[in-house]
Every structure is written in C-alpha cells, then in structure tokens.
C-alpha cells in the first residue's frame, strides 16, 4: 500500500513523461502475468525458494517457446 502511494506521488510529479510511465507500467504488468503463467505451468515451484536465474530464463526462453501451448490451455479453460 505504501509503495502504491509513493508510486502515485512519483507519477503525479512526473506528468510530463506520461508515455514513459505508461510503458514502464505495461512492462511490469506483462512481467507479472508471465510470472503467473510460470506458476500455473509449474515451471517454478509453488512453495519454497524460487531461483531468480531460472525465473528470468523462463521469462525470455521457455515462455516464448511454449506460447502456442499456453494460449491453447487458456482458451480451453474458458470452456
């Protein structure tokens, strides 16, 4: 909560760079969504420590390689 308030104040102070803030926020949202995909596909453990190197490697290598399978899984869960 405190982080969100501080971030909001920072964004308000830097309104002249709206596109930059939007891009940065979009990157953080995308990173978080891909992290959720890794947990859902059990690419990283649900409990215990998570190896940061493995997580980053999965974000840039494993997720793009498996994107068709990931999208198909998401589509089929909605049925």
N, C-alpha and C. Protein backbone atom coordinates (compact mmCIF):
# COMPACT_ATOMS: atom_id res chain seq x y z
N UNK A 1 0.83 -1.19 0.00
CA UNK A 1 0.00 0.00 0.00
C UNK A 1 0.87 1.25 0.00
N UNK A 2 1.89 1.27 0.83
CA UNK A 2 2.77 2.43 0.90
C UNK A 2 3.49 2.60 -0.43
N UNK A 3 3.91 1.47 -1.03
CA UNK A 3 4.57 1.53 -2.32
C UNK A 3 3.66 2.15 -3.37
N UNK A 4 2.39 1.77 -3.38
CA UNK A 4 1.44 2.30 -4.36
C UNK A 4 1.24 3.80 -4.17
N UNK A 5 1.18 4.26 -2.94
CA UNK A 5 1.03 5.69 -2.69
C UNK A 5 2.27 6.46 -3.14
N UNK A 6 3.45 5.92 -2.85
CA UNK A 6 4.68 6.56 -3.28
C UNK A 6 4.79 6.59 -4.80
N UNK A 7 4.40 5.51 -5.46
CA UNK A 7 4.43 5.46 -6.91
C UNK A 7 3.44 6.45 -7.51
N UNK A 8 2.27 6.57 -6.92
CA UNK A 8 1.29 7.53 -7.40
C UNK A 8 1.80 8.96 -7.28
N UNK A 9 2.46 9.27 -6.17
CA UNK A 9 3.03 10.61 -5.99
C UNK A 9 4.14 10.87 -7.01
N UNK A 10 4.94 9.85 -7.27
CA UNK A 10 6.02 10.00 -8.25
C UNK A 10 5.47 10.23 -9.66
N UNK A 11 4.43 9.49 -10.01
CA UNK A 11 3.81 9.66 -11.32
C UNK A 11 3.17 11.04 -11.44
N UNK A 12 2.52 11.49 -10.38
CA UNK A 12 1.89 12.81 -10.41
C UNK A 12 2.93 13.90 -10.60
N UNK A 13 4.08 13.74 -9.96
CA UNK A 13 5.15 14.74 -10.09
C UNK A 13 5.76 14.73 -11.48
N UNK A 14 5.72 13.60 -12.16
CA UNK A 14 6.33 13.50 -13.48
C UNK A 14 5.32 13.36 -14.60
N UNK A 15 4.26 14.11 -14.55
CA UNK A 15 3.21 14.02 -15.56
C UNK A 15 3.68 14.33 -16.98
N UNK A 16 4.79 15.00 -17.12
CA UNK A 16 5.25 15.34 -18.46
C UNK A 16 5.75 14.11 -19.21
N UNK A 17 6.03 13.06 -18.51
CA UNK A 17 6.54 11.84 -19.14
C UNK A 17 5.49 10.73 -19.11
N UNK A 18 4.28 11.03 -19.52
CA UNK A 18 3.17 10.09 -19.44
C UNK A 18 3.44 8.83 -20.25
N UNK A 19 3.98 8.96 -21.44
CA UNK A 19 4.25 7.80 -22.29
C UNK A 19 5.28 6.89 -21.63
N UNK A 20 6.29 7.48 -21.04
CA UNK A 20 7.33 6.70 -20.36
C UNK A 20 6.74 5.92 -19.19
N UNK A 21 5.91 6.56 -18.39
CA UNK A 21 5.28 5.89 -17.25
C UNK A 21 4.34 4.78 -17.71
N UNK A 22 3.61 5.03 -18.79
CA UNK A 22 2.71 4.02 -19.31
C UNK A 22 3.49 2.80 -19.80
N UNK A 23 4.59 3.04 -20.50
CA UNK A 23 5.42 1.94 -20.99
C UNK A 23 6.02 1.16 -19.83
N UNK A 24 6.53 1.85 -18.84
CA UNK A 24 7.13 1.17 -17.69
C UNK A 24 6.08 0.35 -16.94
N UNK A 25 4.92 0.90 -16.74
CA UNK A 25 3.84 0.17 -16.08
C UNK A 25 3.41 -1.06 -16.86
N UNK A 26 3.36 -0.93 -18.18
CA UNK A 26 2.99 -2.05 -19.04
C UNK A 26 4.01 -3.18 -18.96
N UNK A 27 5.28 -2.81 -18.89
CA UNK A 27 6.33 -3.83 -18.75
C UNK A 27 6.18 -4.57 -17.44
N UNK A 28 5.90 -3.86 -16.36
CA UNK A 28 5.73 -4.51 -15.06
C UNK A 28 4.51 -5.42 -15.05
N UNK A 29 3.42 -5.00 -15.67
CA UNK A 29 2.22 -5.82 -15.73
C UNK A 29 2.49 -7.09 -16.54
N UNK A 30 3.15 -6.95 -17.69
CA UNK A 30 3.46 -8.11 -18.52
C UNK A 30 4.38 -9.08 -17.78
N UNK A 31 5.40 -8.55 -17.09
CA UNK A 31 6.32 -9.40 -16.32
C UNK A 31 5.54 -10.20 -15.28
N UNK A 32 4.62 -9.55 -14.58
CA UNK A 32 3.84 -10.22 -13.55
C UNK A 32 2.93 -11.29 -14.14
N UNK A 33 2.31 -11.01 -15.27
CA UNK A 33 1.45 -12.00 -15.92
C UNK A 33 2.25 -13.23 -16.34
N UNK A 34 3.45 -12.99 -16.88
CA UNK A 34 4.30 -14.12 -17.28
C UNK A 34 4.76 -14.92 -16.06
N UNK A 35 4.97 -14.24 -14.96
CA UNK A 35 5.33 -14.94 -13.72
C UNK A 35 4.17 -15.83 -13.26
N UNK A 36 2.95 -15.33 -13.38
CA UNK A 36 1.78 -16.14 -13.03
C UNK A 36 1.66 -17.36 -13.93
N UNK A 37 1.98 -17.19 -15.21
CA UNK A 37 1.96 -18.32 -16.14
C UNK A 37 2.98 -19.38 -15.70
N UNK A 38 4.16 -18.94 -15.28
CA UNK A 38 5.17 -19.89 -14.82
C UNK A 38 4.68 -20.69 -13.61
N UNK A 39 4.02 -20.03 -12.70
CA UNK A 39 3.47 -20.74 -11.54
C UNK A 39 2.37 -21.71 -11.99
N UNK A 40 1.50 -21.28 -12.88
CA UNK A 40 0.40 -22.13 -13.32
C UNK A 40 0.91 -23.37 -14.05
N UNK A 41 1.97 -23.23 -14.83
CA UNK A 41 2.52 -24.36 -15.57
C UNK A 41 3.57 -25.12 -14.77
N UNK A 42 3.77 -24.75 -13.52
CA UNK A 42 4.72 -25.37 -12.61
C UNK A 42 6.15 -25.36 -13.16
N UNK A 43 6.49 -24.27 -13.83
CA UNK A 43 7.85 -24.08 -14.32
C UNK A 43 8.76 -23.65 -13.17
N UNK A 44 8.16 -23.04 -12.16
CA UNK A 44 8.87 -22.68 -10.95
C UNK A 44 8.04 -23.24 -9.78
N UNK A 45 8.70 -23.59 -8.67
CA UNK A 45 7.97 -24.22 -7.58
C UNK A 45 6.94 -23.30 -6.94
N UNK A 46 5.84 -23.88 -6.55
CA UNK A 46 4.79 -23.10 -5.88
C UNK A 46 5.13 -22.83 -4.43
N UNK A 47 5.96 -23.66 -3.85
CA UNK A 47 6.38 -23.49 -2.46
C UNK A 47 7.89 -23.52 -2.39
N UNK A 48 8.39 -22.82 -1.43
CA UNK A 48 9.84 -22.82 -1.24
C UNK A 48 10.51 -21.73 -2.07
N UNK A 49 11.82 -21.73 -2.03
CA UNK A 49 12.57 -20.68 -2.73
C UNK A 49 12.47 -20.83 -4.25
N UNK A 50 12.50 -19.70 -4.93
CA UNK A 50 12.48 -19.67 -6.38
C UNK A 50 13.82 -19.14 -6.85
N UNK A 51 14.46 -19.88 -7.75
CA UNK A 51 15.74 -19.47 -8.30
C UNK A 51 15.50 -18.31 -9.28
N UNK A 52 16.05 -17.15 -8.98
CA UNK A 52 15.84 -15.97 -9.82
C UNK A 52 16.36 -16.20 -11.23
N UNK A 53 17.50 -16.87 -11.36
CA UNK A 53 18.05 -17.16 -12.69
C UNK A 53 17.11 -18.01 -13.52
N UNK A 54 16.52 -19.03 -12.89
CA UNK A 54 15.57 -19.89 -13.59
C UNK A 54 14.34 -19.10 -14.01
N UNK A 55 13.84 -18.26 -13.12
CA UNK A 55 12.66 -17.47 -13.43
C UNK A 55 12.89 -16.55 -14.62
N UNK A 56 14.03 -15.86 -14.63
CA UNK A 56 14.34 -14.94 -15.73
C UNK A 56 14.54 -15.72 -17.03
N UNK A 57 15.24 -16.84 -16.94
CA UNK A 57 15.47 -17.67 -18.13
C UNK A 57 14.13 -18.15 -18.70
N UNK A 58 13.22 -18.56 -17.84
CA UNK A 58 11.89 -18.98 -18.29
C UNK A 58 11.14 -17.84 -18.96
N UNK A 59 11.25 -16.63 -18.39
CA UNK A 59 10.53 -15.48 -18.94
C UNK A 59 10.92 -15.22 -20.39
N UNK A 60 12.21 -15.37 -20.70
CA UNK A 60 12.70 -15.00 -22.03
C UNK A 60 12.89 -16.17 -22.97
N UNK A 61 12.93 -17.40 -22.44
CA UNK A 61 13.18 -18.54 -23.32
C UNK A 61 12.03 -19.55 -23.32
N UNK A 62 11.62 -20.02 -22.16
CA UNK A 62 10.62 -21.09 -22.08
C UNK A 62 9.22 -20.59 -22.43
N UNK A 63 8.85 -19.43 -21.96
CA UNK A 63 7.51 -18.90 -22.24
C UNK A 63 7.32 -18.68 -23.74
N UNK A 64 8.23 -17.98 -24.44
CA UNK A 64 8.03 -17.81 -25.90
C UNK A 64 8.00 -19.13 -26.67
N UNK A 65 8.82 -20.11 -26.26
CA UNK A 65 8.82 -21.40 -26.93
C UNK A 65 7.50 -22.14 -26.76
N UNK A 66 6.87 -21.97 -25.62
CA UNK A 66 5.63 -22.69 -25.30
C UNK A 66 4.39 -21.83 -25.47
N UNK A 67 4.50 -20.70 -26.09
CA UNK A 67 3.37 -19.77 -26.20
C UNK A 67 2.13 -20.40 -26.86
N UNK A 68 2.26 -21.15 -27.96
CA UNK A 68 1.04 -21.77 -28.52
C UNK A 68 0.34 -22.70 -27.53
N UNK A 69 1.12 -23.49 -26.77
CA UNK A 69 0.53 -24.40 -25.78
C UNK A 69 -0.12 -23.62 -24.65
N UNK A 70 0.51 -22.54 -24.25
CA UNK A 70 -0.03 -21.71 -23.17
C UNK A 70 -1.36 -21.08 -23.60
N UNK A 71 -1.38 -20.53 -24.79
CA UNK A 71 -2.62 -19.91 -25.28
C UNK A 71 -3.74 -20.94 -25.44
N UNK A 72 -3.40 -22.14 -25.92
CA UNK A 72 -4.39 -23.19 -26.07
C UNK A 72 -4.96 -23.61 -24.72
N UNK A 73 -4.11 -23.68 -23.72
CA UNK A 73 -4.56 -24.02 -22.37
C UNK A 73 -5.50 -22.96 -21.83
N UNK A 74 -5.17 -21.70 -22.03
CA UNK A 74 -6.03 -20.61 -21.56
C UNK A 74 -7.38 -20.65 -22.26
N UNK A 75 -7.37 -20.88 -23.55
CA UNK A 75 -8.62 -20.93 -24.33
C UNK A 75 -9.49 -22.09 -23.87
N UNK A 76 -8.89 -23.25 -23.66
CA UNK A 76 -9.65 -24.44 -23.26
C UNK A 76 -10.21 -24.35 -21.83
N UNK A 77 -9.54 -23.61 -20.96
CA UNK A 77 -10.05 -23.46 -19.59
C UNK A 77 -11.32 -22.62 -19.55
N UNK A 78 -11.51 -21.77 -20.53
CA UNK A 78 -12.69 -20.91 -20.56
C UNK A 78 -13.95 -21.65 -20.98
N UNK A 79 -13.82 -22.87 -21.44
CA UNK A 79 -14.98 -23.62 -21.94
C UNK A 79 -15.64 -24.42 -20.87
